[in-house]
Amino acid sequence: MTYNELSQAKARVGNDITQENLDDARALMNQWSEYRWQDTLITQTFSGNGSLWLELRNPIISITSLTIDEVLLVEGTDYDIRKAEGRVRVYSGISFGHDNVVVVYHYGFTETGPEKDFFIDTINSVKMVEASLALFLRRNPLLLSSIDLEGSNINFGDYGLEKILSKLPKPINFGVAGGFQFSEPDNADIL
């Protein structure tokens, strides 16, 4: 699903584009940035390393399930969520293992999510980037043969894709200079 309706994207760029162009533009945006401007369901698998923290994509909207060694954990009892930061603190630590931690969760910027102000401030920019990419792809139809939409590599060469994609907004209010700043939970003595 794209951020723009087709008619909305056409109006933004003032030219004819297709739904396929818009879909390809969204795929490129998803490769370029892990940020999403709509509720996105994802499953991530981790190998336990004894840590207390899981680093997820941010902002977290909600966690559907969190299992360690196939044991379902309960929010508030076994872990707490730092939604804006995309972090989860597991009170008892994460047991060592290979692919033994599975998290199913919703994340992304939405009008009602944990970072709704960022969504409101940036959604029009995101829609413009998507429409601009779609137009660029419409005008350069052979370009897609040099881009692997299924993989993680994007070859920009001398093309203007990177210039357009670099305009995607990035959250600046989640950290401070020199890295993220996190406060410990009130129950920090529980390890």
N, C-alpha and C. Protein backbone atom coordinates (compact mmCIF):
# COMPACT_ATOMS: atom_id res chain seq x y z
N MET A 1 0.84 -1.17 0.00
CA MET A 1 0.00 0.00 0.00
C MET A 1 0.89 1.24 0.00
N THR A 2 0.57 2.17 -0.87
CA THR A 2 1.37 3.39 -0.99
C THR A 2 0.83 4.46 -0.06
N TYR A 3 1.63 5.49 0.16
CA TYR A 3 1.22 6.60 1.01
C TYR A 3 0.23 7.51 0.28
N ASN A 4 0.34 7.60 -1.03
CA ASN A 4 -0.53 8.43 -1.85
C ASN A 4 -1.60 7.58 -2.52
N GLU A 5 -2.75 8.16 -2.73
CA GLU A 5 -3.70 7.62 -3.70
C GLU A 5 -3.14 8.02 -5.06
N LEU A 6 -3.44 7.26 -6.11
CA LEU A 6 -2.88 7.54 -7.43
C LEU A 6 -3.25 8.96 -7.89
N SER A 7 -4.49 9.37 -7.72
CA SER A 7 -4.90 10.71 -8.15
C SER A 7 -4.17 11.79 -7.35
N GLN A 8 -3.93 11.52 -6.07
CA GLN A 8 -3.21 12.46 -5.21
C GLN A 8 -1.76 12.61 -5.67
N ALA A 9 -1.13 11.50 -6.02
CA ALA A 9 0.27 11.53 -6.49
C ALA A 9 0.38 12.26 -7.81
N LYS A 10 -0.57 12.02 -8.71
CA LYS A 10 -0.56 12.72 -10.00
C LYS A 10 -0.69 14.23 -9.80
N ALA A 11 -1.55 14.64 -8.89
CA ALA A 11 -1.73 16.07 -8.60
C ALA A 11 -0.46 16.67 -8.00
N ARG A 12 0.25 15.91 -7.17
CA ARG A 12 1.47 16.42 -6.54
C ARG A 12 2.56 16.72 -7.57
N VAL A 13 2.70 15.85 -8.57
CA VAL A 13 3.80 16.03 -9.54
C VAL A 13 3.34 16.65 -10.85
N GLY A 14 2.03 16.78 -11.03
CA GLY A 14 1.51 17.44 -12.21
C GLY A 14 1.71 16.67 -13.49
N ASN A 15 1.88 15.36 -13.39
CA ASN A 15 2.10 14.51 -14.56
C ASN A 15 1.41 13.17 -14.36
N ASP A 16 1.27 12.46 -15.47
CA ASP A 16 0.65 11.15 -15.43
C ASP A 16 1.65 10.11 -14.94
N ILE A 17 1.28 9.34 -13.94
CA ILE A 17 2.06 8.21 -13.47
C ILE A 17 1.10 7.04 -13.29
N THR A 18 1.62 5.85 -13.15
CA THR A 18 0.78 4.67 -12.98
C THR A 18 0.86 4.15 -11.55
N GLN A 19 -0.07 3.28 -11.22
CA GLN A 19 -0.03 2.65 -9.89
C GLN A 19 1.24 1.81 -9.75
N GLU A 20 1.69 1.21 -10.84
CA GLU A 20 2.93 0.42 -10.81
C GLU A 20 4.12 1.31 -10.46
N ASN A 21 4.16 2.52 -11.04
CA ASN A 21 5.22 3.47 -10.71
C ASN A 21 5.19 3.80 -9.23
N LEU A 22 3.99 4.02 -8.71
CA LEU A 22 3.82 4.36 -7.30
C LEU A 22 4.24 3.19 -6.40
N ASP A 23 3.86 1.96 -6.79
CA ASP A 23 4.25 0.78 -6.02
C ASP A 23 5.76 0.60 -6.02
N ASP A 24 6.40 0.81 -7.17
CA ASP A 24 7.86 0.70 -7.25
C ASP A 24 8.54 1.78 -6.41
N ALA A 25 7.97 2.98 -6.41
CA ALA A 25 8.51 4.06 -5.60
C ALA A 25 8.45 3.69 -4.12
N ARG A 26 7.34 3.14 -3.69
CA ARG A 26 7.20 2.73 -2.29
C ARG A 26 8.21 1.64 -1.94
N ALA A 27 8.44 0.69 -2.85
CA ALA A 27 9.42 -0.37 -2.60
C ALA A 27 10.82 0.22 -2.43
N LEU A 28 11.16 1.20 -3.24
CA LEU A 28 12.47 1.86 -3.11
C LEU A 28 12.58 2.60 -1.79
N MET A 29 11.51 3.28 -1.40
CA MET A 29 11.52 4.01 -0.12
C MET A 29 11.71 3.04 1.04
N ASN A 30 11.06 1.87 0.96
CA ASN A 30 11.17 0.88 2.03
C ASN A 30 12.58 0.31 2.11
N GLN A 31 13.27 0.20 0.98
CA GLN A 31 14.65 -0.25 0.98
C GLN A 31 15.58 0.82 1.54
N TRP A 32 15.29 2.04 1.24
CA TRP A 32 16.14 3.17 1.63
C TRP A 32 16.07 3.44 3.13
N SER A 33 14.87 3.33 3.70
CA SER A 33 14.65 3.71 5.09
C SER A 33 13.78 2.69 5.79
N GLU A 34 14.09 2.39 7.04
CA GLU A 34 13.24 1.49 7.82
C GLU A 34 12.03 2.21 8.40
N TYR A 35 11.98 3.54 8.31
CA TYR A 35 10.84 4.28 8.86
C TYR A 35 9.62 4.10 7.98
N ARG A 36 8.45 4.02 8.63
CA ARG A 36 7.18 3.89 7.93
C ARG A 36 6.21 4.93 8.47
N TRP A 37 5.38 5.47 7.57
CA TRP A 37 4.40 6.47 7.94
C TRP A 37 2.99 5.88 7.91
N GLN A 38 2.89 4.64 8.32
CA GLN A 38 1.61 3.98 8.54
C GLN A 38 1.89 2.76 9.41
N ASP A 39 0.84 2.27 10.03
CA ASP A 39 0.95 1.10 10.91
C ASP A 39 1.45 -0.08 10.09
N THR A 40 2.60 -0.64 10.50
CA THR A 40 3.24 -1.73 9.77
C THR A 40 3.47 -2.89 10.73
N LEU A 41 2.99 -4.07 10.35
CA LEU A 41 3.19 -5.27 11.15
C LEU A 41 4.47 -5.95 10.71
N ILE A 42 5.30 -6.34 11.67
CA ILE A 42 6.57 -6.97 11.34
C ILE A 42 6.86 -8.06 12.37
N THR A 43 7.57 -9.08 11.93
CA THR A 43 8.07 -10.13 12.81
C THR A 43 9.58 -10.10 12.73
N GLN A 44 10.24 -10.00 13.88
CA GLN A 44 11.69 -10.02 13.92
C GLN A 44 12.14 -11.17 14.82
N THR A 45 13.19 -11.85 14.39
CA THR A 45 13.78 -12.94 15.14
C THR A 45 15.20 -12.55 15.52
N PHE A 46 15.54 -12.79 16.78
CA PHE A 46 16.87 -12.45 17.30
C PHE A 46 17.49 -13.69 17.94
N SER A 47 18.80 -13.65 18.02
CA SER A 47 19.52 -14.66 18.79
C SER A 47 19.85 -14.05 20.15
N GLY A 48 19.41 -14.72 21.21
CA GLY A 48 19.62 -14.21 22.56
C GLY A 48 21.10 -14.13 22.91
N ASN A 49 21.46 -13.05 23.64
CA ASN A 49 22.86 -12.84 24.00
C ASN A 49 23.03 -12.43 25.46
N GLY A 50 22.01 -12.65 26.27
CA GLY A 50 22.10 -12.30 27.68
C GLY A 50 21.75 -10.86 27.99
N SER A 51 21.47 -10.06 26.99
CA SER A 51 21.16 -8.64 27.16
C SER A 51 19.79 -8.46 27.82
N LEU A 52 19.58 -7.27 28.37
CA LEU A 52 18.26 -6.91 28.90
C LEU A 52 17.42 -6.18 27.85
N TRP A 53 18.04 -5.72 26.75
CA TRP A 53 17.36 -4.85 25.79
C TRP A 53 17.23 -5.50 24.42
N LEU A 54 16.09 -5.25 23.78
CA LEU A 54 15.88 -5.58 22.37
C LEU A 54 15.77 -4.27 21.62
N GLU A 55 16.47 -4.15 20.52
CA GLU A 55 16.39 -2.97 19.66
C GLU A 55 15.46 -3.29 18.49
N LEU A 56 14.28 -2.66 18.46
CA LEU A 56 13.31 -2.87 17.39
C LEU A 56 13.24 -1.62 16.53
N ARG A 57 12.44 -1.68 15.48
CA ARG A 57 12.22 -0.50 14.65
C ARG A 57 11.32 0.47 15.41
N ASN A 58 11.50 1.73 15.18
CA ASN A 58 10.75 2.71 15.96
C ASN A 58 9.93 3.63 15.07
N PRO A 59 8.90 4.21 15.66
CA PRO A 59 8.38 3.99 16.99
C PRO A 59 7.50 2.74 17.03
N ILE A 60 7.52 2.07 18.14
CA ILE A 60 6.67 0.90 18.34
C ILE A 60 5.26 1.39 18.65
N ILE A 61 4.29 0.83 17.98
CA ILE A 61 2.89 1.14 18.27
C ILE A 61 2.38 0.16 19.33
N SER A 62 2.61 -1.12 19.09
CA SER A 62 2.21 -2.14 20.06
C SER A 62 2.95 -3.44 19.76
N ILE A 63 3.07 -4.27 20.77
CA ILE A 63 3.66 -5.59 20.59
C ILE A 63 2.54 -6.61 20.64
N THR A 64 2.46 -7.42 19.61
CA THR A 64 1.45 -8.48 19.53
C THR A 64 1.89 -9.68 20.35
N SER A 65 3.16 -10.07 20.18
CA SER A 65 3.68 -11.18 20.99
C SER A 65 5.20 -11.06 21.08
N LEU A 66 5.73 -11.50 22.22
CA LEU A 66 7.18 -11.57 22.45
C LEU A 66 7.43 -12.91 23.10
N THR A 67 8.18 -13.77 22.42
CA THR A 67 8.50 -15.08 22.96
C THR A 67 10.01 -15.25 23.03
N ILE A 68 10.44 -15.87 24.11
CA ILE A 68 11.84 -16.26 24.27
C ILE A 68 11.84 -17.75 24.58
N ASP A 69 12.57 -18.50 23.77
CA ASP A 69 12.60 -19.96 23.91
C ASP A 69 11.17 -20.53 23.91
N GLU A 70 10.33 -19.97 23.03
CA GLU A 70 8.93 -20.39 22.83
C GLU A 70 8.03 -20.15 24.04
N VAL A 71 8.49 -19.33 24.98
CA VAL A 71 7.67 -18.95 26.14
C VAL A 71 7.15 -17.54 25.90
N LEU A 72 5.83 -17.37 25.94
CA LEU A 72 5.21 -16.07 25.72
C LEU A 72 5.39 -15.19 26.94
N LEU A 73 5.95 -13.99 26.74
CA LEU A 73 6.15 -13.05 27.83
C LEU A 73 4.97 -12.09 27.91
N VAL A 74 4.76 -11.51 29.08
CA VAL A 74 3.63 -10.61 29.33
C VAL A 74 4.16 -9.20 29.58
N GLU A 75 3.60 -8.23 28.83
CA GLU A 75 4.00 -6.83 29.02
C GLU A 75 3.64 -6.38 30.43
N GLY A 76 4.57 -5.65 31.06
CA GLY A 76 4.35 -5.15 32.40
C GLY A 76 4.80 -6.12 33.48
N THR A 77 4.79 -7.40 33.17
CA THR A 77 5.25 -8.43 34.10
C THR A 77 6.65 -8.91 33.73
N ASP A 78 6.85 -9.17 32.44
CA ASP A 78 8.12 -9.71 31.96
C ASP A 78 8.96 -8.70 31.19
N TYR A 79 8.32 -7.66 30.67
CA TYR A 79 9.04 -6.66 29.89
C TYR A 79 8.28 -5.34 29.87
N ASP A 80 9.00 -4.25 29.53
CA ASP A 80 8.34 -2.97 29.28
C ASP A 80 8.82 -2.42 27.95
N ILE A 81 8.02 -1.54 27.38
CA ILE A 81 8.27 -1.02 26.03
C ILE A 81 8.63 0.45 26.10
N ARG A 82 9.66 0.85 25.39
CA ARG A 82 9.99 2.25 25.15
C ARG A 82 9.56 2.53 23.71
N LYS A 83 8.32 2.93 23.52
CA LYS A 83 7.72 3.01 22.19
C LYS A 83 8.47 3.93 21.24
N ALA A 84 8.71 5.17 21.64
CA ALA A 84 9.35 6.13 20.74
C ALA A 84 10.77 5.70 20.37
N GLU A 85 11.46 5.05 21.30
CA GLU A 85 12.85 4.65 21.08
C GLU A 85 12.97 3.33 20.33
N GLY A 86 11.90 2.55 20.28
CA GLY A 86 11.97 1.26 19.62
C GLY A 86 12.75 0.24 20.43
N ARG A 87 12.63 0.34 21.75
CA ARG A 87 13.38 -0.57 22.63
C ARG A 87 12.44 -1.29 23.57
N VAL A 88 12.81 -2.52 23.90
CA VAL A 88 12.06 -3.33 24.85
C VAL A 88 13.05 -3.81 25.90
N ARG A 89 12.68 -3.65 27.16
CA ARG A 89 13.51 -4.13 28.26
C ARG A 89 12.89 -5.39 28.83
N VAL A 90 13.64 -6.48 28.76
CA VAL A 90 13.20 -7.75 29.31
C VAL A 90 13.77 -7.84 30.71
N TYR A 91 12.90 -7.94 31.71
CA TYR A 91 13.32 -7.85 33.11
C TYR A 91 14.32 -8.92 33.51
N SER A 92 14.13 -10.14 33.05
CA SER A 92 15.02 -11.23 33.48
C SER A 92 16.20 -11.44 32.54
N GLY A 93 16.33 -10.62 31.53
CA GLY A 93 17.40 -10.81 30.56
C GLY A 93 16.96 -11.78 29.47
N ILE A 94 17.72 -11.82 28.41
CA ILE A 94 17.38 -12.63 27.25
C ILE A 94 18.34 -13.81 27.20
N SER A 95 17.80 -15.00 27.34
CA SER A 95 18.64 -16.19 27.39
C SER A 95 19.41 -16.38 26.09
N PHE A 96 20.59 -16.95 26.23
CA PHE A 96 21.43 -17.22 25.07
C PHE A 96 20.77 -18.27 24.20
N GLY A 97 20.89 -18.09 22.89
CA GLY A 97 20.35 -19.06 21.95
C GLY A 97 20.38 -18.52 20.54
N HIS A 98 20.14 -19.40 19.59
CA HIS A 98 20.13 -19.02 18.18
C HIS A 98 18.68 -18.89 17.71
N ASP A 99 18.31 -17.68 17.28
CA ASP A 99 16.95 -17.40 16.82
C ASP A 99 15.89 -17.82 17.84
N ASN A 100 16.17 -17.58 19.11
CA ASN A 100 15.26 -18.00 20.17
C ASN A 100 14.34 -16.89 20.67
N VAL A 101 14.46 -15.69 20.09
CA VAL A 101 13.62 -14.56 20.48
C VAL A 101 12.81 -14.13 19.25
N VAL A 102 11.48 -14.13 19.38
CA VAL A 102 10.61 -13.74 18.27
C VAL A 102 9.67 -12.64 18.76
N VAL A 103 9.67 -11.52 18.04
CA VAL A 103 8.82 -10.39 18.39
C VAL A 103 7.93 -10.07 17.19
N VAL A 104 6.64 -10.06 17.42
CA VAL A 104 5.66 -9.64 16.42
C VAL A 104 5.09 -8.32 16.92
N TYR A 105 5.23 -7.27 16.10
CA TYR A 105 4.81 -5.96 16.59
C TYR A 105 4.41 -5.03 15.46
N HIS A 106 3.68 -3.98 15.85
CA HIS A 106 3.30 -2.91 14.93
C HIS A 106 4.22 -1.72 15.21
N TYR A 107 4.68 -1.09 14.14
CA TYR A 107 5.50 0.10 14.31
C TYR A 107 5.18 1.08 13.18
N GLY A 108 5.64 2.31 13.35
CA GLY A 108 5.47 3.32 12.31
C GLY A 108 4.92 4.60 12.88
N PHE A 109 5.00 5.63 12.08
CA PHE A 109 4.45 6.93 12.46
C PHE A 109 3.02 6.98 11.95
N THR A 110 2.08 7.30 12.84
CA THR A 110 0.68 7.40 12.47
C THR A 110 0.07 8.62 13.15
N GLU A 111 -1.11 8.97 12.71
CA GLU A 111 -1.81 10.13 13.28
C GLU A 111 -2.14 9.94 14.75
N THR A 112 -2.22 8.70 15.19
CA THR A 112 -2.60 8.43 16.57
C THR A 112 -1.49 7.72 17.35
N GLY A 113 -0.34 7.50 16.71
CA GLY A 113 0.74 6.75 17.34
C GLY A 113 1.54 7.56 18.34
N PRO A 114 2.59 6.94 18.89
CA PRO A 114 3.38 7.59 19.94
C PRO A 114 4.11 8.85 19.47
N GLU A 115 4.36 8.97 18.20
CA GLU A 115 5.04 10.15 17.66
C GLU A 115 4.16 10.83 16.61
N LYS A 116 2.91 11.09 16.99
CA LYS A 116 1.94 11.66 16.04
C LYS A 116 2.34 13.04 15.53
N ASP A 117 3.03 13.84 16.34
CA ASP A 117 3.45 15.16 15.88
C ASP A 117 4.44 15.06 14.73
N PHE A 118 5.36 14.09 14.83
CA PHE A 118 6.32 13.88 13.74
C PHE A 118 5.59 13.46 12.47
N PHE A 119 4.59 12.59 12.61
CA PHE A 119 3.79 12.17 11.46
C PHE A 119 3.13 13.38 10.80
N ILE A 120 2.46 14.18 11.59
CA ILE A 120 1.74 15.34 11.06
C ILE A 120 2.69 16.31 10.37
N ASP A 121 3.87 16.50 10.95
CA ASP A 121 4.85 17.43 10.39
C ASP A 121 5.52 16.91 9.11
N THR A 122 5.52 15.60 8.89
CA THR A 122 6.32 15.05 7.79
C THR A 122 5.56 14.30 6.72
N ILE A 123 4.31 13.94 6.94
CA ILE A 123 3.61 13.08 5.99
C ILE A 123 3.53 13.69 4.59
N ASN A 124 3.35 14.99 4.48
CA ASN A 124 3.30 15.60 3.15
C ASN A 124 4.64 15.50 2.43
N SER A 125 5.73 15.62 3.15
CA SER A 125 7.06 15.44 2.54
C SER A 125 7.23 14.01 2.06
N VAL A 126 6.79 13.06 2.86
CA VAL A 126 6.89 11.64 2.49
C VAL A 126 6.08 11.38 1.23
N LYS A 127 4.88 11.90 1.17
CA LYS A 127 4.04 11.71 -0.01
C LYS A 127 4.67 12.35 -1.24
N MET A 128 5.31 13.50 -1.08
CA MET A 128 5.96 14.15 -2.20
C MET A 128 7.16 13.34 -2.70
N VAL A 129 7.93 12.78 -1.78
CA VAL A 129 9.06 11.93 -2.18
C VAL A 129 8.54 10.73 -2.97
N GLU A 130 7.49 10.10 -2.48
CA GLU A 130 6.94 8.94 -3.17
C GLU A 130 6.44 9.31 -4.57
N ALA A 131 5.72 10.40 -4.69
CA ALA A 131 5.21 10.84 -6.00
C ALA A 131 6.36 11.23 -6.93
N SER A 132 7.38 11.89 -6.40
CA SER A 132 8.54 12.29 -7.22
C SER A 132 9.29 11.07 -7.73
N LEU A 133 9.45 10.08 -6.87
CA LEU A 133 10.10 8.84 -7.29
C LEU A 133 9.28 8.15 -8.39
N ALA A 134 7.96 8.10 -8.21
CA ALA A 134 7.10 7.48 -9.21
C ALA A 134 7.24 8.18 -10.56
N LEU A 135 7.28 9.50 -10.54
CA LEU A 135 7.46 10.25 -11.78
C LEU A 135 8.83 9.98 -12.39
N PHE A 136 9.86 9.94 -11.56
CA PHE A 136 11.21 9.65 -12.05
C PHE A 136 11.24 8.27 -12.72
N LEU A 137 10.59 7.29 -12.11
CA LEU A 137 10.54 5.95 -12.68
C LEU A 137 9.72 5.91 -13.96
N ARG A 138 8.68 6.71 -14.03
CA ARG A 138 7.85 6.79 -15.25
C ARG A 138 8.67 7.34 -16.41
N ARG A 139 9.49 8.33 -16.12
CA ARG A 139 10.30 8.97 -17.17
C ARG A 139 11.53 8.16 -17.53
N ASN A 140 11.92 7.23 -16.67
CA ASN A 140 13.11 6.41 -16.88
C ASN A 140 12.74 4.93 -16.74
N PRO A 141 11.91 4.40 -17.65
CA PRO A 141 11.39 3.04 -17.47
C PRO A 141 12.46 1.95 -17.50
N LEU A 142 13.56 2.16 -18.17
CA LEU A 142 14.61 1.15 -18.23
C LEU A 142 15.46 1.12 -16.98
N LEU A 143 15.29 2.11 -16.14
CA LEU A 143 16.07 2.20 -14.91
C LEU A 143 15.85 0.99 -14.01
N LEU A 144 14.63 0.48 -13.96
CA LEU A 144 14.34 -0.62 -13.06
C LEU A 144 15.16 -1.87 -13.34
N SER A 145 15.61 -2.06 -14.57
CA SER A 145 16.41 -3.23 -14.86
C SER A 145 17.75 -3.21 -14.13
N SER A 146 18.16 -2.03 -13.66
CA SER A 146 19.42 -1.95 -12.93
C SER A 146 19.22 -1.89 -11.42
N ILE A 147 17.98 -2.04 -10.95
CA ILE A 147 17.68 -1.98 -9.52
C ILE A 147 17.07 -3.31 -9.10
N ASP A 148 17.59 -3.89 -8.04
CA ASP A 148 17.06 -5.13 -7.52
C ASP A 148 16.03 -4.81 -6.46
N LEU A 149 14.77 -4.79 -6.82
CA LEU A 149 13.72 -4.44 -5.86
C LEU A 149 13.48 -5.55 -4.84
N GLU A 150 13.90 -6.76 -5.14
CA GLU A 150 13.70 -7.88 -4.22
C GLU A 150 14.83 -7.96 -3.20
N GLY A 151 15.99 -7.48 -3.54
CA GLY A 151 17.14 -7.57 -2.64
C GLY A 151 17.35 -6.29 -1.88
N SER A 152 18.52 -6.15 -1.32
CA SER A 152 18.78 -4.97 -0.51
C SER A 152 19.72 -3.99 -1.20
N ASN A 153 20.14 -4.29 -2.42
CA ASN A 153 21.08 -3.39 -3.11
C ASN A 153 20.34 -2.47 -4.07
N ILE A 154 20.70 -1.20 -4.03
CA ILE A 154 20.20 -0.22 -4.98
C ILE A 154 21.43 0.41 -5.63
N ASN A 155 21.52 0.32 -6.93
CA ASN A 155 22.63 0.94 -7.65
C ASN A 155 22.16 2.27 -8.19
N PHE A 156 22.69 3.34 -7.69
CA PHE A 156 22.23 4.65 -8.12
C PHE A 156 22.98 5.14 -9.34
N GLY A 157 24.23 4.78 -9.51
CA GLY A 157 25.00 5.27 -10.63
C GLY A 157 24.91 6.78 -10.71
N ASP A 158 24.63 7.30 -11.87
CA ASP A 158 24.49 8.75 -12.07
C ASP A 158 23.04 9.19 -11.99
N TYR A 159 22.17 8.35 -11.55
CA TYR A 159 20.74 8.66 -11.54
C TYR A 159 20.38 9.56 -10.37
N GLY A 160 19.19 10.12 -10.43
CA GLY A 160 18.73 11.05 -9.40
C GLY A 160 17.96 10.40 -8.27
N LEU A 161 17.94 9.07 -8.21
CA LEU A 161 17.18 8.40 -7.16
C LEU A 161 17.67 8.77 -5.77
N GLU A 162 18.97 8.75 -5.57
CA GLU A 162 19.51 9.05 -4.24
C GLU A 162 19.15 10.47 -3.82
N LYS A 163 19.16 11.38 -4.77
CA LYS A 163 18.81 12.77 -4.45
C LYS A 163 17.37 12.89 -3.98
N ILE A 164 16.48 12.15 -4.62
CA ILE A 164 15.07 12.18 -4.22
C ILE A 164 14.89 11.47 -2.88
N LEU A 165 15.47 10.29 -2.74
CA LEU A 165 15.32 9.51 -1.51
C LEU A 165 15.92 10.19 -0.29
N SER A 166 16.95 10.97 -0.50
CA SER A 166 17.59 11.64 0.64
C SER A 166 16.68 12.69 1.28
N LYS A 167 15.58 13.02 0.62
CA LYS A 167 14.62 13.98 1.17
C LYS A 167 13.62 13.35 2.12
N LEU A 168 13.69 12.02 2.28
CA LEU A 168 12.80 11.38 3.26
C LEU A 168 13.12 11.89 4.65
N PRO A 169 12.13 12.31 5.41
CA PRO A 169 12.38 12.82 6.76
C PRO A 169 12.96 11.74 7.67
N LYS A 170 13.80 12.18 8.59
CA LYS A 170 14.36 11.31 9.62
C LYS A 170 14.05 11.93 10.96
N PRO A 171 13.63 11.12 11.92
CA PRO A 171 13.33 11.66 13.25
C PRO A 171 14.57 12.27 13.88
N ILE A 172 14.42 13.47 14.41
CA ILE A 172 15.56 14.10 15.08
C ILE A 172 15.29 14.27 16.57
N ASN A 173 14.07 14.00 17.00
CA ASN A 173 13.73 14.24 18.40
C ASN A 173 13.89 13.01 19.27
N PHE A 174 14.43 11.90 18.74
CA PHE A 174 14.55 10.69 19.54
C PHE A 174 15.87 10.59 20.27
N GLY A 175 16.84 11.40 19.93
CA GLY A 175 18.14 11.27 20.56
C GLY A 175 18.77 12.61 20.82
N VAL A 176 19.96 12.57 21.30
CA VAL A 176 20.73 13.78 21.52
C VAL A 176 22.03 13.63 20.77
N ALA A 177 22.77 14.70 20.62
CA ALA A 177 24.05 14.63 19.94
C ALA A 177 24.93 13.57 20.58
N GLY A 178 25.54 12.74 19.76
CA GLY A 178 26.40 11.71 20.28
C GLY A 178 25.69 10.41 20.57
N GLY A 179 24.41 10.30 20.26
CA GLY A 179 23.71 9.04 20.45
C GLY A 179 22.39 9.20 21.16
N PHE A 180 21.75 8.09 21.41
CA PHE A 180 20.46 8.10 22.07
C PHE A 180 20.64 8.33 23.56
N GLN A 181 19.64 8.94 24.13
CA GLN A 181 19.63 9.15 25.57
C GLN A 181 18.43 8.40 26.13
N PHE A 182 18.69 7.44 27.00
CA PHE A 182 17.63 6.64 27.58
C PHE A 182 17.64 6.81 29.09
N SER A 183 16.47 6.85 29.66
CA SER A 183 16.39 6.84 31.13
C SER A 183 16.03 5.43 31.55
N GLU A 184 16.51 5.01 32.68
CA GLU A 184 16.22 3.68 33.17
C GLU A 184 14.78 3.62 33.67
N PRO A 185 14.14 2.45 33.54
CA PRO A 185 12.79 2.31 34.07
C PRO A 185 12.79 2.48 35.59
N ASP A 186 11.63 2.78 36.14
CA ASP A 186 11.50 2.96 37.59
C ASP A 186 11.93 1.72 38.36
N ASN A 187 11.75 0.56 37.74
CA ASN A 187 12.11 -0.68 38.42
C ASN A 187 13.47 -1.19 37.93
N ALA A 188 14.43 -0.30 37.81
CA ALA A 188 15.74 -0.64 37.27
C ALA A 188 16.47 -1.67 38.12
N ASP A 189 16.10 -1.82 39.37
CA ASP A 189 16.80 -2.77 40.23
C ASP A 189 16.38 -4.22 39.94
N ILE A 190 15.34 -4.41 39.13
CA ILE A 190 14.92 -5.76 38.78
C ILE A 190 15.75 -6.22 37.59
N LEU A 191 16.57 -7.21 37.76
CA LEU A 191 17.38 -7.75 36.69
C LEU A 191 17.04 -9.19 36.57
